[in-house]
Amino acid sequence: MNMDLSPKFPRTFAEGEGGGYYNWASADSPVLREAKVAAGKLVLKPRGFALPHYADCSKVGYVLEGNCGVGLTLAADPKDKMAFIGLKKGNIIPVPSGSVSWWYNYGNSDVVIVFLGDATKAYVPGEITYFLLAGPQGHLAAFSPEFIARTYHVSVEKAQKLADSQKSILSTKLGQEEAEGIPKPSEDLVNLWTQNIDSSSPDVQVKNGGKSTTLTGIQFPFLGEVGLNVTRLVLNPMPLEHRPMHLMHKCSTLQKEVVEYK
């Protein structure tokens, strides 16, 4: 089967003042659908806050830029497995399927995180489907204020505010006062919930060529909960003297191209 392996730009899922989320749709990248792999990218501006949500895929996030905190509640045992973890460039963090997470950029520059997920059991092959717990697409938006008030034992006025006050679909930008109410991430949990693959010792390293680093559930037990391994491949720029040279030689009416590698 012939597959298009050319680079693809992601589609915009949601975008706003606080940042945006972008996904590589299986319709644009059939190879993702065939491989049952899903991919997405989260961008958060300073004080950007990604609303609580969960997904139908187990995934791993890799921080390309910036510093942020992630609040994570595991579906298996929400009472004992709740944490607010600090992330920085090079960190990977597993997010098991069904776990609720929210993300906050407490730094002064943009945060960019790429997610890769196991879409074997995904609702849409090759894509991550998100379920939002707040905002206009959250589950409360489907119910009347009276029903919410009876369910949560609050006044109708509070129920209305609970359901309608958040207008952003996925992310919003917190005000200065709201931002001060966000706790600092726990540094004690960093090695339990996340690992920095950029600073990990490479498994393979070639002088002037590059390096490859792999993390598995053996080195990083929490990674085993999503059933994935993570490999980071770095290719160094090719020096000028090692780059291909195309030489054209004319011989009467014939041309021949010689490709020479030094």
Protein backbone atom coordinates (compact mmCIF):
# COMPACT_ATOMS: atom_id res chain seq x y z
CA MET A 1 0.00 0.00 0.00
CA ASN A 2 1.32 3.43 -0.99
CA MET A 3 1.13 6.00 1.80
CA ASP A 4 1.69 9.73 1.75
CA LEU A 5 4.52 10.38 4.22
CA SER A 6 4.93 14.07 3.41
CA PRO A 7 4.80 16.52 6.36
CA LYS A 8 1.33 17.73 7.34
CA PHE A 9 0.18 20.80 9.22
CA PRO A 10 -2.27 20.24 12.09
CA ARG A 11 -5.84 21.49 12.07
CA THR A 12 -7.08 24.01 14.60
CA PHE A 13 -9.35 22.39 17.18
CA ALA A 14 -9.75 25.45 19.43
CA GLU A 15 -7.94 28.77 19.66
CA GLY A 16 -8.29 31.77 21.95
CA GLU A 17 -6.55 34.36 24.08
CA GLY A 18 -5.04 31.70 26.36
CA GLY A 19 -3.65 29.55 23.55
CA GLY A 20 -4.89 26.77 21.31
CA TYR A 21 -5.02 23.07 20.57
CA TYR A 22 -4.19 21.62 17.16
CA ASN A 23 -4.56 18.05 15.92
CA TRP A 24 -3.32 16.02 12.99
CA ALA A 25 -6.54 14.67 11.50
CA SER A 26 -6.59 11.10 10.24
CA ALA A 27 -8.29 12.35 7.07
CA ASP A 28 -5.16 14.37 6.27
CA SER A 29 -2.70 11.72 7.43
CA PRO A 30 -3.97 8.21 6.56
CA VAL A 31 -0.70 6.77 7.85
CA LEU A 32 -1.76 7.75 11.39
CA ARG A 33 -5.06 5.94 10.95
CA GLU A 34 -3.35 2.82 9.63
CA ALA A 35 -0.76 2.85 12.41
CA LYS A 36 -3.45 3.63 15.02
CA VAL A 37 -1.42 6.55 16.31
CA ALA A 38 -2.87 9.96 17.20
CA ALA A 39 -1.07 13.30 17.47
CA GLY A 40 -1.88 16.78 18.75
CA LYS A 41 -0.22 20.00 19.92
CA LEU A 42 -1.11 22.24 22.86
CA VAL A 43 0.06 25.87 22.91
CA LEU A 44 -0.47 27.98 26.04
CA LYS A 45 0.30 31.69 26.30
CA PRO A 46 1.58 33.11 29.62
CA ARG A 47 -1.23 32.67 32.20
CA GLY A 48 -2.98 30.42 29.69
CA PHE A 49 -5.19 27.75 31.32
CA ALA A 50 -6.42 24.60 29.57
CA LEU A 51 -9.77 23.59 31.07
CA PRO A 52 -10.21 20.17 32.75
CA HIS A 53 -10.77 17.39 30.24
CA TYR A 54 -10.12 13.72 29.54
CA ALA A 55 -9.51 11.72 26.37
CA ASP A 56 -10.30 8.33 24.87
CA CYS A 57 -6.60 7.57 24.24
CA SER A 58 -3.62 6.96 26.45
CA LYS A 59 -0.97 9.48 25.38
CA VAL A 60 2.41 10.94 26.17
CA GLY A 61 3.15 14.67 26.19
CA TYR A 62 6.58 16.04 25.26
CA VAL A 63 7.40 19.64 26.19
CA LEU A 64 9.04 21.41 23.24
CA GLU A 65 9.12 24.88 24.80
CA GLY A 66 8.42 26.67 28.08
CA ASN A 67 7.45 25.76 31.64
CA CYS A 68 4.00 24.82 32.90
CA GLY A 69 2.08 22.88 35.51
CA VAL A 70 -0.35 20.03 34.91
CA GLY A 71 -3.03 18.92 37.31
CA LEU A 72 -3.61 15.21 36.84
CA THR A 73 -6.20 12.88 38.36
CA LEU A 74 -5.93 9.22 37.40
CA ALA A 75 -9.17 7.42 36.64
CA ALA A 76 -8.02 4.25 38.41
CA ASP A 77 -7.82 5.80 41.90
CA PRO A 78 -8.75 9.50 41.95
CA LYS A 79 -8.45 9.82 45.76
CA ASP A 80 -4.87 8.59 45.99
CA LYS A 81 -3.56 9.65 42.59
CA MET A 82 -4.00 13.41 42.27
CA ALA A 83 -1.06 15.71 41.61
CA PHE A 84 0.01 19.10 40.26
CA ILE A 85 3.30 18.51 38.47
CA GLY A 86 5.78 21.05 37.12
CA LEU A 87 7.03 20.54 33.56
CA LYS A 88 9.88 22.12 31.63
CA LYS A 89 11.43 21.78 28.18
CA GLY A 90 12.39 18.16 27.49
CA ASN A 91 9.98 16.59 29.99
CA ILE A 92 7.67 13.78 28.96
CA ILE A 93 4.49 13.04 30.90
CA PRO A 94 2.20 10.03 30.40
CA VAL A 95 -1.55 10.67 30.55
CA PRO A 96 -3.54 7.40 30.84
CA SER A 97 -6.88 7.13 29.03
CA GLY A 98 -9.75 8.57 31.07
CA SER A 99 -7.50 10.60 33.38
CA VAL A 100 -8.64 14.17 33.99
CA SER A 101 -6.02 16.87 33.41
CA TRP A 102 -5.75 20.65 33.32
CA TRP A 103 -2.73 22.66 32.22
CA TYR A 104 -1.45 26.09 33.27
CA ASN A 105 1.39 28.22 31.91
CA TYR A 106 2.93 30.02 34.88
CA GLY A 107 5.98 31.18 32.88
CA ASN A 108 6.73 34.27 30.81
CA SER A 109 6.91 32.58 27.40
CA ASP A 110 4.70 30.27 25.36
CA VAL A 111 4.42 26.60 26.25
CA VAL A 112 4.32 24.08 23.40
CA ILE A 113 3.55 20.42 24.10
CA VAL A 114 3.21 17.67 21.49
CA PHE A 115 1.07 14.64 22.31
CA LEU A 116 1.33 11.19 20.75
CA GLY A 117 -1.29 8.61 21.66
CA ASP A 118 -2.25 4.99 21.20
CA ALA A 119 -5.41 5.18 19.11
CA THR A 120 -6.04 1.42 19.03
CA LYS A 121 -9.34 1.84 20.90
CA ALA A 122 -10.05 5.43 19.88
CA TYR A 123 -13.55 6.49 18.88
CA VAL A 124 -12.08 7.95 15.67
CA PRO A 125 -9.16 5.86 14.32
CA GLY A 126 -5.98 7.92 14.31
CA GLU A 127 -7.35 10.79 16.41
CA ILE A 128 -7.71 11.77 20.06
CA THR A 129 -11.27 12.61 21.10
CA TYR A 130 -11.53 14.99 24.07
CA PHE A 131 -14.35 15.29 26.59
CA LEU A 132 -14.47 18.69 28.29
CA LEU A 133 -15.68 19.18 31.85
CA ALA A 134 -16.18 22.94 31.63
CA GLY A 135 -17.04 25.62 29.09
CA PRO A 136 -19.72 25.69 26.37
CA GLN A 137 -18.87 22.13 25.25
CA GLY A 138 -18.62 20.78 28.79
CA HIS A 139 -21.09 18.23 30.15
CA LEU A 140 -22.94 20.80 32.30
CA ALA A 141 -23.95 22.76 29.20
CA ALA A 142 -26.34 19.92 28.32
CA PHE A 143 -28.46 20.39 31.49
CA SER A 144 -30.77 23.11 32.75
CA PRO A 145 -29.76 25.31 35.72
CA GLU A 146 -32.63 23.78 37.73
CA PHE A 147 -31.31 20.24 37.17
CA ILE A 148 -27.75 21.29 38.06
CA ALA A 149 -29.01 23.05 41.21
CA ARG A 150 -30.82 19.92 42.41
CA THR A 151 -27.88 17.63 41.57
CA TYR A 152 -25.18 19.68 43.29
CA HIS A 153 -27.39 21.17 46.00
CA VAL A 154 -26.70 24.78 45.04
CA SER A 155 -28.94 27.71 44.17
CA VAL A 156 -30.22 28.16 40.63
CA GLU A 157 -28.19 31.35 40.40
CA LYS A 158 -24.96 29.52 41.27
CA ALA A 159 -25.88 26.70 38.91
CA GLN A 160 -26.36 29.22 36.09
CA LYS A 161 -22.95 30.73 36.80
CA LEU A 162 -21.37 27.29 37.01
CA ALA A 163 -22.70 26.32 33.60
CA ASP A 164 -22.41 29.59 31.68
CA SER A 165 -19.58 31.68 33.14
CA GLN A 166 -16.80 29.98 31.14
CA LYS A 167 -17.10 31.00 27.48
CA SER A 168 -13.85 29.52 26.15
CA ILE A 169 -14.00 26.09 24.54
CA LEU A 170 -10.68 24.65 25.72
CA SER A 171 -8.34 27.35 27.04
CA THR A 172 -8.59 30.77 28.61
CA LYS A 173 -6.24 33.42 29.97
CA LEU A 174 -6.40 33.97 33.71
CA GLY A 175 -6.37 37.43 35.23
CA GLN A 176 -3.57 38.44 37.55
CA GLU A 177 -5.65 37.80 40.67
CA GLU A 178 -6.86 34.43 39.39
CA ALA A 179 -3.30 33.44 38.49
CA GLU A 180 -2.13 34.14 42.04
CA GLY A 181 -4.61 31.54 43.26
CA ILE A 182 -2.94 28.74 41.27
CA PRO A 183 -0.64 26.70 43.58
CA LYS A 184 2.99 26.06 42.77
CA PRO A 185 3.69 22.64 41.20
CA SER A 186 5.12 19.97 43.48
CA GLU A 187 8.83 19.37 42.86
CA ASP A 188 8.76 16.23 45.02
CA LEU A 189 6.65 14.39 42.44
CA VAL A 190 8.71 15.23 39.37
CA ASN A 191 10.61 11.95 39.15
CA LEU A 192 7.44 9.91 39.81
CA TRP A 193 5.21 11.50 37.17
CA THR A 194 7.62 12.88 34.58
CA GLN A 195 11.13 12.38 33.21
CA ASN A 196 13.33 14.70 31.16
CA ILE A 197 14.29 12.77 28.06
CA ASP A 198 16.46 15.62 26.73
CA SER A 199 18.86 15.24 29.65
CA SER A 200 18.74 11.42 29.77
CA SER A 201 21.81 9.46 28.68
CA PRO A 202 21.48 8.38 25.03
CA ASP A 203 21.34 4.71 24.12
CA VAL A 204 23.10 5.31 20.83
CA GLN A 205 25.38 8.22 19.96
CA VAL A 206 27.30 8.76 16.72
CA LYS A 207 30.01 11.39 16.54
CA ASN A 208 28.87 14.27 14.32
CA GLY A 209 25.79 12.21 13.45
CA GLY A 210 23.30 12.36 16.29
CA LYS A 211 21.87 10.36 19.15
CA SER A 212 18.89 8.25 20.11
CA THR A 213 17.36 8.04 23.59
CA THR A 214 14.59 5.65 24.61
CA LEU A 215 12.59 5.55 27.84
CA THR A 216 10.53 2.49 28.75
CA GLY A 217 8.40 1.41 31.68
CA ILE A 218 11.49 -0.17 33.23
CA GLN A 219 13.35 3.13 33.65
CA PHE A 220 10.16 5.16 34.13
CA PRO A 221 7.40 3.01 35.76
CA PHE A 222 4.59 5.55 35.24
CA LEU A 223 5.19 5.26 31.49
CA GLY A 224 4.10 1.65 31.77
CA GLU A 225 0.57 2.78 32.67
CA VAL A 226 0.01 4.05 29.14
CA GLY A 227 1.68 1.03 27.50
CA LEU A 228 4.05 3.15 25.40
CA ASN A 229 7.79 3.64 25.00
CA VAL A 230 9.26 7.01 24.02
CA THR A 231 12.24 7.49 21.71
CA ARG A 232 13.87 10.85 20.97
CA LEU A 233 16.06 10.98 17.86
CA VAL A 234 18.42 13.92 17.31
CA LEU A 235 20.17 14.31 13.94
CA ASN A 236 23.05 16.76 13.80
CA PRO A 237 23.36 19.10 10.79
CA MET A 238 25.55 17.57 8.11
CA PRO A 239 28.90 19.38 7.74
CA LEU A 240 29.47 20.99 4.34
CA GLU A 241 32.26 18.57 3.43
CA HIS A 242 29.91 15.60 3.97
CA ARG A 243 26.95 16.90 1.99
CA PRO A 244 26.00 15.40 -1.40
CA MET A 245 27.59 17.18 -4.39
CA HIS A 246 25.89 17.10 -7.79
CA LEU A 247 28.39 17.40 -10.67
CA MET A 248 27.23 17.86 -14.26
CA HIS A 249 29.52 16.55 -17.03
CA LYS A 250 28.81 17.29 -20.68
CA CYS A 251 29.99 14.75 -23.19
CA SER A 252 29.12 15.73 -26.82
CA THR A 253 25.29 15.64 -26.84
CA LEU A 254 24.94 13.56 -23.66
CA GLN A 255 24.68 14.73 -20.07
CA LYS A 256 25.33 12.55 -17.12
CA GLU A 257 24.83 13.43 -13.48
CA VAL A 258 27.29 12.16 -10.95
CA VAL A 259 26.32 12.16 -7.29
CA GLU A 260 29.39 12.08 -5.12
CA TYR A 261 29.45 11.68 -1.35
CA LYS A 262 32.56 12.75 0.49
